[in-house]
Amino acid sequence: MKTPNKHMLRWHIAIQEYRGNMTIVHKEGNIHKNSDGLRRWELANTPDTPAYLRLEAEPQIPIEGIDITDIETEFFEEVRESYKQDNNCHILTSLSDKDCKDTSLVNS
C-alpha cells in the first residue's frame, strides 16, 4: 500500500494481528458482486477502535461586543457626516432627514 488513507490505515492496523494466517485478495467491482462489509461501513472514532485519532479540542474564544451605551455621541455625528460626504449614502441620509412619524428613529 503506497500511502493509505485514514480508513484503509485503520483496517491495516486492525488486521495486522492476523498476518500470516490469512490472505487478502483484491477482486474488481464487477467480479465481486456481494458487498464488502469491511469497506462499506466507517468506524467510529472512539478510543477502543483501531487507529483511534485523538482530535484536538478547538480553542474557545469568548464573544466580545460593544455596548451601545458606551459609544459617545461624537461617534454618531462623525458617522452622519461621513454619510453626507459619500455620494451613495447621501440619498439615504436625505431620506432619513425628511419628516417621518417617528422622529426618534431619525435622530438616534
N, C-alpha and C. Protein backbone atom coordinates (compact mmCIF):
# COMPACT_ATOMS: atom_id res chain seq x y z
N MET A 1 0.86 -1.17 0.00
CA MET A 1 0.00 0.00 0.00
C MET A 1 0.91 1.23 0.00
N LYS A 2 0.70 2.13 -0.96
CA LYS A 2 1.56 3.30 -1.09
C LYS A 2 1.36 4.24 0.09
N THR A 3 0.39 5.10 0.02
CA THR A 3 0.05 5.98 1.15
C THR A 3 -1.43 5.77 1.45
N PRO A 4 -1.73 4.99 2.46
CA PRO A 4 -3.14 4.68 2.74
C PRO A 4 -3.88 5.89 3.30
N ASN A 5 -5.17 5.95 2.97
CA ASN A 5 -5.98 6.99 3.58
C ASN A 5 -6.34 6.56 5.00
N LYS A 6 -7.02 7.40 5.72
CA LYS A 6 -7.32 7.14 7.13
C LYS A 6 -8.14 5.86 7.30
N HIS A 7 -9.11 5.65 6.43
CA HIS A 7 -9.98 4.48 6.53
C HIS A 7 -9.18 3.19 6.30
N MET A 8 -8.35 3.17 5.26
CA MET A 8 -7.56 1.98 4.97
C MET A 8 -6.50 1.73 6.03
N LEU A 9 -5.95 2.79 6.59
CA LEU A 9 -4.94 2.65 7.63
C LEU A 9 -5.53 1.99 8.87
N ARG A 10 -6.75 2.34 9.21
CA ARG A 10 -7.40 1.71 10.37
C ARG A 10 -7.55 0.21 10.17
N TRP A 11 -7.99 -0.19 8.98
CA TRP A 11 -8.16 -1.62 8.72
C TRP A 11 -6.81 -2.32 8.64
N HIS A 12 -5.83 -1.66 8.12
CA HIS A 12 -4.49 -2.24 8.04
C HIS A 12 -3.96 -2.54 9.44
N ILE A 13 -4.16 -1.63 10.36
CA ILE A 13 -3.72 -1.85 11.74
C ILE A 13 -4.56 -2.93 12.41
N ALA A 14 -5.87 -2.95 12.13
CA ALA A 14 -6.77 -3.91 12.77
C ALA A 14 -6.45 -5.34 12.37
N ILE A 15 -6.03 -5.57 11.14
CA ILE A 15 -5.80 -6.95 10.70
C ILE A 15 -4.34 -7.38 10.81
N GLN A 16 -3.47 -6.55 11.34
CA GLN A 16 -2.06 -6.93 11.47
C GLN A 16 -1.86 -8.13 12.39
N GLU A 17 -2.71 -8.29 13.39
CA GLU A 17 -2.53 -9.42 14.30
C GLU A 17 -2.81 -10.76 13.61
N TYR A 18 -3.51 -10.73 12.48
CA TYR A 18 -3.81 -11.96 11.74
C TYR A 18 -2.82 -12.20 10.60
N ARG A 19 -1.79 -11.39 10.52
CA ARG A 19 -0.80 -11.52 9.44
C ARG A 19 -0.19 -12.92 9.48
N GLY A 20 -0.13 -13.55 8.34
CA GLY A 20 0.40 -14.91 8.25
C GLY A 20 -0.69 -15.96 8.31
N ASN A 21 -1.83 -15.65 8.89
CA ASN A 21 -2.93 -16.61 9.00
C ASN A 21 -3.99 -16.41 7.92
N MET A 22 -3.91 -15.34 7.17
CA MET A 22 -4.93 -15.09 6.15
C MET A 22 -4.30 -14.38 4.97
N THR A 23 -5.00 -14.44 3.85
CA THR A 23 -4.54 -13.79 2.63
C THR A 23 -5.65 -12.89 2.13
N ILE A 24 -5.31 -11.67 1.78
CA ILE A 24 -6.28 -10.73 1.24
C ILE A 24 -6.07 -10.67 -0.26
N VAL A 25 -7.14 -10.94 -1.00
CA VAL A 25 -7.07 -10.94 -2.46
C VAL A 25 -8.01 -9.86 -2.97
N HIS A 26 -7.50 -9.02 -3.84
CA HIS A 26 -8.32 -7.95 -4.42
C HIS A 26 -9.17 -8.52 -5.55
N LYS A 27 -10.47 -8.19 -5.53
CA LYS A 27 -11.37 -8.55 -6.61
C LYS A 27 -11.97 -7.27 -7.16
N GLU A 28 -12.04 -7.16 -8.47
CA GLU A 28 -12.61 -5.96 -9.06
C GLU A 28 -14.10 -5.90 -8.78
N GLY A 29 -14.67 -4.70 -8.89
CA GLY A 29 -16.07 -4.48 -8.54
C GLY A 29 -17.05 -5.32 -9.31
N ASN A 30 -16.86 -5.51 -10.63
CA ASN A 30 -17.82 -6.28 -11.40
C ASN A 30 -17.66 -7.78 -11.19
N ILE A 31 -16.55 -8.25 -10.64
CA ILE A 31 -16.39 -9.66 -10.29
C ILE A 31 -16.94 -9.91 -8.89
N HIS A 32 -16.74 -8.98 -8.02
CA HIS A 32 -17.12 -9.10 -6.61
C HIS A 32 -18.52 -8.51 -6.42
N LYS A 33 -19.56 -9.31 -6.65
CA LYS A 33 -20.93 -8.81 -6.65
C LYS A 33 -21.47 -8.54 -5.23
N ASN A 34 -21.12 -9.37 -4.26
CA ASN A 34 -21.64 -9.13 -2.90
C ASN A 34 -20.85 -8.00 -2.23
N SER A 35 -21.52 -7.25 -1.40
CA SER A 35 -20.89 -6.08 -0.76
C SER A 35 -19.79 -6.50 0.19
N ASP A 36 -18.78 -5.69 0.26
CA ASP A 36 -17.69 -5.90 1.20
C ASP A 36 -18.00 -5.08 2.44
N GLY A 37 -18.45 -5.74 3.49
CA GLY A 37 -18.86 -5.05 4.71
C GLY A 37 -17.73 -4.30 5.40
N LEU A 38 -16.51 -4.79 5.25
CA LEU A 38 -15.38 -4.10 5.87
C LEU A 38 -15.12 -2.75 5.23
N ARG A 39 -15.42 -2.65 3.96
CA ARG A 39 -15.10 -1.44 3.23
C ARG A 39 -16.25 -0.44 3.23
N ARG A 40 -17.46 -0.89 3.46
CA ARG A 40 -18.62 -0.02 3.32
C ARG A 40 -18.93 0.80 4.58
N TRP A 41 -18.67 0.27 5.75
CA TRP A 41 -19.06 0.95 6.98
C TRP A 41 -17.84 1.60 7.61
N GLU A 42 -18.00 2.84 7.98
CA GLU A 42 -16.90 3.57 8.59
C GLU A 42 -16.87 3.31 10.09
N LEU A 43 -15.69 3.23 10.64
CA LEU A 43 -15.54 3.03 12.08
C LEU A 43 -15.77 4.33 12.82
N ALA A 44 -16.35 4.22 14.00
CA ALA A 44 -16.48 5.40 14.85
C ALA A 44 -15.10 5.74 15.42
N ASN A 45 -14.85 7.00 15.62
CA ASN A 45 -13.56 7.44 16.14
C ASN A 45 -13.62 7.45 17.67
N THR A 46 -13.55 6.26 18.26
CA THR A 46 -13.57 6.12 19.71
C THR A 46 -12.26 5.46 20.16
N PRO A 47 -11.88 5.62 21.42
CA PRO A 47 -10.59 5.07 21.87
C PRO A 47 -10.46 3.56 21.74
N ASP A 48 -11.56 2.81 21.68
CA ASP A 48 -11.46 1.35 21.60
C ASP A 48 -11.37 0.83 20.16
N THR A 49 -11.41 1.70 19.15
CA THR A 49 -11.27 1.26 17.76
C THR A 49 -9.81 1.36 17.33
N PRO A 50 -9.40 0.53 16.37
CA PRO A 50 -8.01 0.61 15.87
C PRO A 50 -7.74 1.95 15.21
N ALA A 51 -6.56 2.42 15.30
CA ALA A 51 -6.11 3.69 14.69
C ALA A 51 -6.96 4.86 15.15
N TYR A 52 -7.26 4.89 16.44
CA TYR A 52 -8.03 6.00 17.01
C TYR A 52 -7.27 7.30 16.83
N LEU A 53 -7.94 8.30 16.30
CA LEU A 53 -7.32 9.61 16.10
C LEU A 53 -7.83 10.56 17.17
N ARG A 54 -6.93 11.00 18.01
CA ARG A 54 -7.33 11.93 19.06
C ARG A 54 -7.42 13.32 18.45
N LEU A 55 -8.62 13.86 18.46
CA LEU A 55 -8.85 15.17 17.87
C LEU A 55 -8.63 16.24 18.92
N GLU A 56 -7.93 17.26 18.53
CA GLU A 56 -7.67 18.37 19.44
C GLU A 56 -8.94 19.20 19.59
N ALA A 57 -9.22 19.60 20.79
CA ALA A 57 -10.38 20.46 21.03
C ALA A 57 -10.09 21.86 20.49
N GLU A 58 -11.09 22.42 19.86
CA GLU A 58 -10.91 23.77 19.32
C GLU A 58 -10.90 24.77 20.47
N PRO A 59 -10.03 25.75 20.38
CA PRO A 59 -9.99 26.74 21.46
C PRO A 59 -11.28 27.53 21.53
N GLN A 60 -11.72 27.79 22.73
CA GLN A 60 -12.94 28.56 22.91
C GLN A 60 -12.59 30.04 22.97
N ILE A 61 -13.16 30.78 22.07
CA ILE A 61 -12.90 32.21 22.00
C ILE A 61 -14.15 32.92 22.50
N PRO A 62 -14.02 33.74 23.52
CA PRO A 62 -15.21 34.42 24.04
C PRO A 62 -15.75 35.43 23.03
N ILE A 63 -17.04 35.57 23.02
CA ILE A 63 -17.67 36.55 22.14
C ILE A 63 -17.57 37.91 22.82
N GLU A 64 -17.02 38.84 22.10
CA GLU A 64 -16.87 40.18 22.64
C GLU A 64 -17.76 41.12 21.85
N GLY A 65 -18.28 42.11 22.50
CA GLY A 65 -19.15 43.05 21.82
C GLY A 65 -18.98 44.44 22.38
N ILE A 66 -19.61 45.38 21.73
CA ILE A 66 -19.57 46.77 22.18
C ILE A 66 -20.95 47.12 22.69
N ASP A 67 -20.99 47.61 23.87
CA ASP A 67 -22.26 48.07 24.42
C ASP A 67 -22.58 49.42 23.81
N ILE A 68 -23.75 49.55 23.24
CA ILE A 68 -24.11 50.77 22.52
C ILE A 68 -24.14 51.99 23.45
N THR A 69 -24.32 51.77 24.73
CA THR A 69 -24.36 52.91 25.65
C THR A 69 -22.97 53.48 25.90
N ASP A 70 -21.92 52.73 25.55
CA ASP A 70 -20.55 53.19 25.78
C ASP A 70 -20.03 54.08 24.66
N ILE A 71 -20.74 54.14 23.54
CA ILE A 71 -20.27 54.93 22.41
C ILE A 71 -20.70 56.38 22.60
N GLU A 72 -19.76 57.27 22.42
CA GLU A 72 -20.02 58.70 22.60
C GLU A 72 -20.84 59.25 21.43
N THR A 73 -21.54 60.33 21.67
CA THR A 73 -22.37 60.94 20.63
C THR A 73 -21.52 61.49 19.49
N GLU A 74 -20.25 61.82 19.77
CA GLU A 74 -19.37 62.32 18.72
C GLU A 74 -19.16 61.26 17.63
N PHE A 75 -19.15 60.01 18.04
CA PHE A 75 -19.00 58.93 17.07
C PHE A 75 -20.16 58.94 16.08
N PHE A 76 -21.38 59.06 16.59
CA PHE A 76 -22.55 59.05 15.71
C PHE A 76 -22.56 60.28 14.80
N GLU A 77 -22.12 61.42 15.33
CA GLU A 77 -22.04 62.62 14.49
C GLU A 77 -21.02 62.43 13.37
N GLU A 78 -19.92 61.79 13.69
CA GLU A 78 -18.89 61.54 12.68
C GLU A 78 -19.41 60.59 11.60
N VAL A 79 -20.18 59.60 12.00
CA VAL A 79 -20.77 58.67 11.03
C VAL A 79 -21.76 59.40 10.13
N ARG A 80 -22.60 60.26 10.72
CA ARG A 80 -23.57 61.02 9.93
C ARG A 80 -22.87 61.92 8.92
N GLU A 81 -21.80 62.58 9.35
CA GLU A 81 -21.07 63.47 8.45
C GLU A 81 -20.40 62.69 7.31
N SER A 82 -19.86 61.54 7.62
CA SER A 82 -19.22 60.74 6.56
C SER A 82 -20.25 60.23 5.57
N TYR A 83 -21.47 59.93 6.04
CA TYR A 83 -22.54 59.53 5.12
C TYR A 83 -22.92 60.68 4.19
N LYS A 84 -22.93 61.90 4.72
CA LYS A 84 -23.30 63.06 3.89
C LYS A 84 -22.24 63.34 2.83
N GLN A 85 -20.99 63.01 3.10
CA GLN A 85 -19.92 63.23 2.13
C GLN A 85 -19.88 62.16 1.05
N ASP A 86 -20.44 61.00 1.33
CA ASP A 86 -20.46 59.91 0.37
C ASP A 86 -21.66 60.09 -0.57
N ASN A 87 -21.41 60.04 -1.89
CA ASN A 87 -22.47 60.26 -2.86
C ASN A 87 -23.56 59.19 -2.78
N ASN A 88 -23.18 57.95 -2.57
CA ASN A 88 -24.17 56.88 -2.50
C ASN A 88 -25.02 56.96 -1.23
N CYS A 89 -24.39 57.31 -0.15
CA CYS A 89 -25.12 57.39 1.13
C CYS A 89 -25.88 58.69 1.28
N HIS A 90 -25.54 59.69 0.48
CA HIS A 90 -26.21 60.99 0.58
C HIS A 90 -27.72 60.85 0.34
N ILE A 91 -28.11 60.00 -0.58
CA ILE A 91 -29.53 59.77 -0.85
C ILE A 91 -30.22 59.21 0.39
N LEU A 92 -29.58 58.28 1.04
CA LEU A 92 -30.18 57.69 2.24
C LEU A 92 -30.30 58.71 3.37
N THR A 93 -29.26 59.51 3.54
CA THR A 93 -29.32 60.49 4.62
C THR A 93 -30.35 61.57 4.34
N SER A 94 -30.50 61.94 3.07
CA SER A 94 -31.52 62.95 2.76
C SER A 94 -32.91 62.39 2.99
N LEU A 95 -33.11 61.12 2.73
CA LEU A 95 -34.41 60.50 3.01
C LEU A 95 -34.65 60.41 4.52
N SER A 96 -33.61 60.12 5.26
CA SER A 96 -33.78 59.99 6.71
C SER A 96 -34.01 61.34 7.38
N ASP A 97 -33.55 62.44 6.74
CA ASP A 97 -33.76 63.77 7.31
C ASP A 97 -35.17 64.30 7.08
N LYS A 98 -35.90 63.70 6.15
CA LYS A 98 -37.26 64.17 5.87
C LYS A 98 -38.17 63.86 7.04
N ASP A 99 -39.29 64.54 7.06
CA ASP A 99 -40.26 64.32 8.13
C ASP A 99 -40.77 62.89 8.10
N CYS A 100 -40.81 62.30 9.26
CA CYS A 100 -41.42 60.98 9.39
C CYS A 100 -42.19 60.95 10.70
N LYS A 101 -43.01 59.95 10.86
CA LYS A 101 -43.89 59.90 12.02
C LYS A 101 -43.09 59.70 13.31
N ASP A 102 -42.08 58.86 13.27
CA ASP A 102 -41.31 58.57 14.48
C ASP A 102 -39.93 59.23 14.34
N THR A 103 -39.77 60.41 14.84
CA THR A 103 -38.51 61.15 14.71
C THR A 103 -37.41 60.59 15.60
N SER A 104 -37.76 59.78 16.58
CA SER A 104 -36.72 59.22 17.45
C SER A 104 -35.81 58.27 16.66
N LEU A 105 -36.35 57.64 15.61
CA LEU A 105 -35.52 56.76 14.80
C LEU A 105 -34.53 57.55 13.95
N VAL A 106 -34.94 58.70 13.46
CA VAL A 106 -34.07 59.52 12.62
C VAL A 106 -32.96 60.13 13.45
N ASN A 107 -33.26 60.56 14.64
CA ASN A 107 -32.29 61.27 15.48
C ASN A 107 -31.40 60.34 16.28
N SER A 108 -31.64 59.06 16.24
CA SER A 108 -30.82 58.16 17.05
C SER A 108 -29.61 57.68 16.31
